[in-house]
Amino acid sequence: MLPKEEHRFLLLCAYSIKNIDGLKVLGDPSCCIVAFTSDKFNILTLADKMRDDGWLLSCLQHPTW
């Protein structure tokens, strides 16, 4: 179980992603992973830009296969 502060931050990240046009949260981000995708733009380009801003991401091309 995540400490309360980290859990709140995780839920805030998921909530923020849901409110960005073109992004969708995948699954239930109640643990320590927030998975998201997009049908409107190249998600890997977004990941590259987020990495440049200091985010640590693990990109999977087909996570449900």
PDB file of N, CA and C in Angstrom:
ATOM      1  N   MET A   1       0.838  -1.185   0.000  1.00  0.00           N
ATOM      2  CA  MET A   1       0.000   0.000   0.000  1.00  0.00           C
ATOM      3  C   MET A   1       0.881   1.246   0.000  1.00  0.00           C
ATOM      4  N   LEU A   2       0.486   2.204  -0.782  1.00  0.00           N
ATOM      5  CA  LEU A   2       1.246   3.454  -0.865  1.00  0.00           C
ATOM      6  C   LEU A   2       0.957   4.345   0.341  1.00  0.00           C
ATOM      7  N   PRO A   3       1.962   5.098   0.780  1.00  0.00           N
ATOM      8  CA  PRO A   3       1.691   6.109   1.809  1.00  0.00           C
ATOM      9  C   PRO A   3       0.640   7.097   1.296  1.00  0.00           C
ATOM     10  N   LYS A   4      -0.097   7.699   2.214  1.00  0.00           N
ATOM     11  CA  LYS A   4      -1.242   8.545   1.871  1.00  0.00           C
ATOM     12  C   LYS A   4      -0.871   9.665   0.894  1.00  0.00           C
ATOM     13  N   GLU A   5       0.234  10.350   1.122  1.00  0.00           N
ATOM     14  CA  GLU A   5       0.622  11.475   0.258  1.00  0.00           C
ATOM     15  C   GLU A   5       0.930  11.015  -1.167  1.00  0.00           C
ATOM     16  N   GLU A   6       1.649   9.902  -1.309  1.00  0.00           N
ATOM     17  CA  GLU A   6       1.965   9.374  -2.632  1.00  0.00           C
ATOM     18  C   GLU A   6       0.705   8.892  -3.345  1.00  0.00           C
ATOM     19  N   HIS A   7      -0.217   8.295  -2.587  1.00  0.00           N
ATOM     20  CA  HIS A   7      -1.460   7.824  -3.181  1.00  0.00           C
ATOM     21  C   HIS A   7      -2.280   9.003  -3.712  1.00  0.00           C
ATOM     22  N   ARG A   8      -2.337  10.083  -2.941  1.00  0.00           N
ATOM     23  CA  ARG A   8      -3.052  11.284  -3.403  1.00  0.00           C
ATOM     24  C   ARG A   8      -2.431  11.829  -4.681  1.00  0.00           C
ATOM     25  N   PHE A   9      -1.105  11.864  -4.734  1.00  0.00           N
ATOM     26  CA  PHE A   9      -0.420  12.359  -5.925  1.00  0.00           C
ATOM     27  C   PHE A   9      -0.729  11.477  -7.131  1.00  0.00           C
ATOM     28  N   LEU A  10      -0.737  10.165  -6.943  1.00  0.00           N
ATOM     29  CA  LEU A  10      -1.056   9.231  -8.024  1.00  0.00           C
ATOM     30  C   LEU A  10      -2.462   9.486  -8.549  1.00  0.00           C
ATOM     31  N   LEU A  11      -3.418   9.640  -7.650  1.00  0.00           N
ATOM     32  CA  LEU A  11      -4.796   9.902  -8.073  1.00  0.00           C
ATOM     33  C   LEU A  11      -4.918  11.259  -8.757  1.00  0.00           C
ATOM     34  N   LEU A  12      -4.169  12.256  -8.286  1.00  0.00           N
ATOM     35  CA  LEU A  12      -4.163  13.565  -8.932  1.00  0.00           C
ATOM     36  C   LEU A  12      -3.617  13.458 -10.354  1.00  0.00           C
ATOM     37  N   CYS A  13      -2.566  12.666 -10.537  1.00  0.00           N
ATOM     38  CA  CYS A  13      -2.020  12.461 -11.888  1.00  0.00           C
ATOM     39  C   CYS A  13      -3.065  11.823 -12.794  1.00  0.00           C
ATOM     40  N   ALA A  14      -3.724  10.782 -12.314  1.00  0.00           N
ATOM     41  CA  ALA A  14      -4.746  10.105 -13.124  1.00  0.00           C
ATOM     42  C   ALA A  14      -5.888  11.061 -13.452  1.00  0.00           C
ATOM     43  N   TYR A  15      -6.341  11.834 -12.466  1.00  0.00           N
ATOM     44  CA  TYR A  15      -7.413  12.798 -12.685  1.00  0.00           C
ATOM     45  C   TYR A  15      -6.994  13.839 -13.722  1.00  0.00           C
ATOM     46  N   SER A  16      -5.762  14.314 -13.622  1.00  0.00           N
ATOM     47  CA  SER A  16      -5.265  15.327 -14.559  1.00  0.00           C
ATOM     48  C   SER A  16      -5.190  14.775 -15.973  1.00  0.00           C
ATOM     49  N   ILE A  17      -4.737  13.531 -16.107  1.00  0.00           N
ATOM     50  CA  ILE A  17      -4.653  12.905 -17.425  1.00  0.00           C
ATOM     51  C   ILE A  17      -6.047  12.779 -18.035  1.00  0.00           C
ATOM     52  N   LYS A  18      -7.033  12.394 -17.226  1.00  0.00           N
ATOM     53  CA  LYS A  18      -8.409  12.252 -17.726  1.00  0.00           C
ATOM     54  C   LYS A  18      -8.953  13.565 -18.274  1.00  0.00           C
ATOM     55  N   ASN A  19      -8.459  14.679 -17.763  1.00  0.00           N
ATOM     56  CA  ASN A  19      -8.961  15.990 -18.166  1.00  0.00           C
ATOM     57  C   ASN A  19      -8.177  16.626 -19.308  1.00  0.00           C
ATOM     58  N   ILE A  20      -7.247  15.897 -19.906  1.00  0.00           N
ATOM     59  CA  ILE A  20      -6.515  16.381 -21.068  1.00  0.00           C
ATOM     60  C   ILE A  20      -7.186  15.807 -22.311  1.00  0.00           C
ATOM     61  N   ASP A  21      -7.641  16.685 -23.185  1.00  0.00           N
ATOM     62  CA  ASP A  21      -8.315  16.250 -24.399  1.00  0.00           C
ATOM     63  C   ASP A  21      -7.395  15.348 -25.215  1.00  0.00           C
ATOM     64  N   GLY A  22      -7.871  14.174 -25.534  1.00  0.00           N
ATOM     65  CA  GLY A  22      -7.104  13.241 -26.348  1.00  0.00           C
ATOM     66  C   GLY A  22      -6.430  12.144 -25.551  1.00  0.00           C
ATOM     67  N   LEU A  23      -6.398  12.234 -24.216  1.00  0.00           N
ATOM     68  CA  LEU A  23      -5.789  11.186 -23.395  1.00  0.00           C
ATOM     69  C   LEU A  23      -6.872  10.398 -22.671  1.00  0.00           C
ATOM     70  N   LYS A  24      -6.613   9.103 -22.487  1.00  0.00           N
ATOM     71  CA  LYS A  24      -7.514   8.231 -21.741  1.00  0.00           C
ATOM     72  C   LYS A  24      -6.697   7.451 -20.729  1.00  0.00           C
ATOM     73  N   VAL A  25      -7.176   7.351 -19.506  1.00  0.00           N
ATOM     74  CA  VAL A  25      -6.548   6.515 -18.485  1.00  0.00           C
ATOM     75  C   VAL A  25      -6.997   5.082 -18.724  1.00  0.00           C
ATOM     76  N   LEU A  26      -6.061   4.152 -18.667  1.00  0.00           N
ATOM     77  CA  LEU A  26      -6.367   2.734 -18.853  1.00  0.00           C
ATOM     78  C   LEU A  26      -6.381   2.040 -17.495  1.00  0.00           C
ATOM     79  N   GLY A  27      -7.393   1.244 -17.236  1.00  0.00           N
ATOM     80  CA  GLY A  27      -7.463   0.490 -15.992  1.00  0.00           C
ATOM     81  C   GLY A  27      -7.781   1.360 -14.792  1.00  0.00           C
ATOM     82  N   ASP A  28      -7.505   0.817 -13.604  1.00  0.00           N
ATOM     83  CA  ASP A  28      -7.769   1.483 -12.333  1.00  0.00           C
ATOM     84  C   ASP A  28      -6.437   1.857 -11.693  1.00  0.00           C
ATOM     85  N   PRO A  29      -6.097   3.140 -11.683  1.00  0.00           N
ATOM     86  CA  PRO A  29      -4.783   3.558 -11.173  1.00  0.00           C
ATOM     87  C   PRO A  29      -4.736   3.687  -9.648  1.00  0.00           C
ATOM     88  N   SER A  30      -5.266   2.716  -8.927  1.00  0.00           N
ATOM     89  CA  SER A  30      -5.318   2.834  -7.477  1.00  0.00           C
ATOM     90  C   SER A  30      -4.061   2.306  -6.789  1.00  0.00           C
ATOM     91  N   CYS A  31      -3.149   1.737  -7.536  1.00  0.00           N
ATOM     92  CA  CYS A  31      -1.915   1.209  -6.935  1.00  0.00           C
ATOM     93  C   CYS A  31      -0.778   2.182  -7.184  1.00  0.00           C
ATOM     94  N   CYS A  32       0.144   1.846  -8.047  1.00  0.00           N
ATOM     95  CA  CYS A  32       1.278   2.734  -8.282  1.00  0.00           C
ATOM     96  C   CYS A  32       1.577   2.927  -9.761  1.00  0.00           C
ATOM     97  N   ILE A  33       0.637   2.576 -10.615  1.00  0.00           N
ATOM     98  CA  ILE A  33       0.832   2.710 -12.057  1.00  0.00           C
ATOM     99  C   ILE A  33      -0.345   3.477 -12.647  1.00  0.00           C
ATOM    100  N   VAL A  34      -0.037   4.464 -13.465  1.00  0.00           N
ATOM    101  CA  VAL A  34      -1.069   5.161 -14.230  1.00  0.00           C
ATOM    102  C   VAL A  34      -0.749   4.913 -15.699  1.00  0.00           C
ATOM    103  N   ALA A  35      -1.615   4.184 -16.382  1.00  0.00           N
ATOM    104  CA  ALA A  35      -1.427   3.887 -17.796  1.00  0.00           C
ATOM    105  C   ALA A  35      -2.377   4.762 -18.599  1.00  0.00           C
ATOM    106  N   PHE A  36      -1.861   5.314 -19.702  1.00  0.00           N
ATOM    107  CA  PHE A  36      -2.723   6.156 -20.532  1.00  0.00           C
ATOM    108  C   PHE A  36      -2.349   6.007 -21.990  1.00  0.00           C
ATOM    109  N   THR A  37      -3.304   6.401 -22.858  1.00  0.00           N
ATOM    110  CA  THR A  37      -3.133   6.290 -24.298  1.00  0.00           C
ATOM    111  C   THR A  37      -3.859   7.440 -24.975  1.00  0.00           C
ATOM    112  N   SER A  38      -3.763   7.494 -26.296  1.00  0.00           N
ATOM    113  CA  SER A  38      -4.467   8.516 -27.060  1.00  0.00           C
ATOM    114  C   SER A  38      -4.810   7.982 -28.438  1.00  0.00           C
ATOM    115  N   ASP A  39      -5.993   8.359 -28.913  1.00  0.00           N
ATOM    116  CA  ASP A  39      -6.401   8.066 -30.290  1.00  0.00           C
ATOM    117  C   ASP A  39      -6.220   9.295 -31.172  1.00  0.00           C
ATOM    118  N   LYS A  40      -5.800  10.423 -30.572  1.00  0.00           N
ATOM    119  CA  LYS A  40      -5.721  11.683 -31.304  1.00  0.00           C
ATOM    120  C   LYS A  40      -4.300  12.094 -31.694  1.00  0.00           C
ATOM    121  N   PHE A  41      -3.282  11.604 -30.994  1.00  0.00           N
ATOM    122  CA  PHE A  41      -1.910  11.983 -31.315  1.00  0.00           C
ATOM    123  C   PHE A  41      -0.950  10.877 -30.909  1.00  0.00           C
ATOM    124  N   ASN A  42       0.290  10.996 -31.338  1.00  0.00           N
ATOM    125  CA  ASN A  42       1.311   9.988 -31.065  1.00  0.00           C
ATOM    126  C   ASN A  42       1.713  10.049 -29.593  1.00  0.00           C
ATOM    127  N   ILE A  43       1.334   9.033 -28.854  1.00  0.00           N
ATOM    128  CA  ILE A  43       1.579   8.997 -27.415  1.00  0.00           C
ATOM    129  C   ILE A  43       3.076   8.910 -27.107  1.00  0.00           C
ATOM    130  N   LEU A  44       3.856   8.329 -28.003  1.00  0.00           N
ATOM    131  CA  LEU A  44       5.296   8.223 -27.767  1.00  0.00           C
ATOM    132  C   LEU A  44       5.983   9.582 -27.879  1.00  0.00           C
ATOM    133  N   THR A  45       5.447  10.470 -28.714  1.00  0.00           N
ATOM    134  CA  THR A  45       5.968  11.836 -28.787  1.00  0.00           C
ATOM    135  C   THR A  45       5.703  12.547 -27.463  1.00  0.00           C
ATOM    136  N   LEU A  46       4.511  12.364 -26.910  1.00  0.00           N
ATOM    137  CA  LEU A  46       4.203  12.933 -25.598  1.00  0.00           C
ATOM    138  C   LEU A  46       5.157  12.374 -24.543  1.00  0.00           C
ATOM    139  N   ALA A  47       5.399  11.081 -24.577  1.00  0.00           N
ATOM    140  CA  ALA A  47       6.310  10.463 -23.604  1.00  0.00           C
ATOM    141  C   ALA A  47       7.712  11.063 -23.706  1.00  0.00           C
ATOM    142  N   ASP A  48       8.187  11.291 -24.926  1.00  0.00           N
ATOM    143  CA  ASP A  48       9.505  11.910 -25.107  1.00  0.00           C
ATOM    144  C   ASP A  48       9.542  13.306 -24.489  1.00  0.00           C
ATOM    145  N   LYS A  49       8.490  14.080 -24.698  1.00  0.00           N
ATOM    146  CA  LYS A  49       8.441  15.441 -24.138  1.00  0.00           C
ATOM    147  C   LYS A  49       8.347  15.404 -22.618  1.00  0.00           C
ATOM    148  N   MET A  50       7.581  14.450 -22.084  1.00  0.00           N
ATOM    149  CA  MET A  50       7.487  14.325 -20.625  1.00  0.00           C
ATOM    150  C   MET A  50       8.836  13.907 -20.042  1.00  0.00           C
ATOM    151  N   ARG A  51       9.541  13.005 -20.722  1.00  0.00           N
ATOM    152  CA  ARG A  51      10.862  12.567 -20.258  1.00  0.00           C
ATOM    153  C   ARG A  51      11.826  13.746 -20.225  1.00  0.00           C
ATOM    154  N   ASP A  52      11.733  14.621 -21.229  1.00  0.00           N
ATOM    155  CA  ASP A  52      12.572  15.824 -21.257  1.00  0.00           C
ATOM    156  C   ASP A  52      12.293  16.738 -20.061  1.00  0.00           C
ATOM    157  N   ASP A  53      11.055  16.662 -19.536  1.00  0.00           N
ATOM    158  CA  ASP A  53      10.671  17.477 -18.381  1.00  0.00           C
ATOM    159  C   ASP A  53      10.925  16.769 -17.046  1.00  0.00           C
ATOM    160  N   GLY A  54      11.565  15.599 -17.090  1.00  0.00           N
ATOM    161  CA  GLY A  54      11.939  14.918 -15.857  1.00  0.00           C
ATOM    162  C   GLY A  54      11.055  13.778 -15.410  1.00  0.00           C
ATOM    163  N   TRP A  55      10.018  13.431 -16.188  1.00  0.00           N
ATOM    164  CA  TRP A  55       9.163  12.307 -15.836  1.00  0.00           C
ATOM    165  C   TRP A  55       9.877  11.007 -16.166  1.00  0.00           C
ATOM    166  N   LEU A  56       9.653   9.973 -15.372  1.00  0.00           N
ATOM    167  CA  LEU A  56      10.205   8.649 -15.616  1.00  0.00           C
ATOM    168  C   LEU A  56       9.063   7.760 -16.102  1.00  0.00           C
ATOM    169  N   LEU A  57       9.090   7.427 -17.383  1.00  0.00           N
ATOM    170  CA  LEU A  57       8.006   6.652 -17.988  1.00  0.00           C
ATOM    171  C   LEU A  57       8.520   5.328 -18.529  1.00  0.00           C
ATOM    172  N   SER A  58       7.662   4.340 -18.509  1.00  0.00           N
ATOM    173  CA  SER A  58       7.924   3.054 -19.164  1.00  0.00           C
ATOM    174  C   SER A  58       6.903   2.929 -20.288  1.00  0.00           C
ATOM    175  N   CYS A  59       7.364   2.970 -21.509  1.00  0.00           N
ATOM    176  CA  CYS A  59       6.455   2.941 -22.663  1.00  0.00           C
ATOM    177  C   CYS A  59       6.315   1.528 -23.185  1.00  0.00           C
ATOM    178  N   LEU A  60       5.068   1.104 -23.367  1.00  0.00           N
ATOM    179  CA  LEU A  60       4.761  -0.208 -23.933  1.00  0.00           C
ATOM    180  C   LEU A  60       3.895   0.002 -25.153  1.00  0.00           C
ATOM    181  N   GLN A  61       4.268  -0.649 -26.250  1.00  0.00           N
ATOM    182  CA  GLN A  61       3.530  -0.439 -27.492  1.00  0.00           C
ATOM    183  C   GLN A  61       2.164  -1.118 -27.443  1.00  0.00           C
ATOM    184  N   HIS A  62       2.089  -2.340 -26.958  1.00  0.00           N
ATOM    185  CA  HIS A  62       0.821  -3.079 -26.904  1.00  0.00           C
ATOM    186  C   HIS A  62       0.709  -3.736 -25.517  1.00  0.00           C
ATOM    187  N   PRO A  63       0.394  -2.977 -24.473  1.00  0.00           N
ATOM    188  CA  PRO A  63       0.416  -3.538 -23.123  1.00  0.00           C
ATOM    189  C   PRO A  63      -0.645  -4.594 -22.843  1.00  0.00           C
ATOM    190  N   THR A  64      -1.674  -4.676 -23.643  1.00  0.00           N
ATOM    191  CA  THR A  64      -2.740  -5.653 -23.367  1.00  0.00           C
ATOM    192  C   THR A  64      -2.642  -6.904 -24.230  1.00  0.00           C
ATOM    193  N   TRP A  65      -1.611  -7.017 -25.036  1.00  0.00           N
ATOM    194  CA  TRP A  65      -1.473  -8.217 -25.882  1.00  0.00           C
ATOM    195  C   TRP A  65      -0.867  -9.334 -25.099  1.00  0.00           C
TER     196      TRP A  65
END
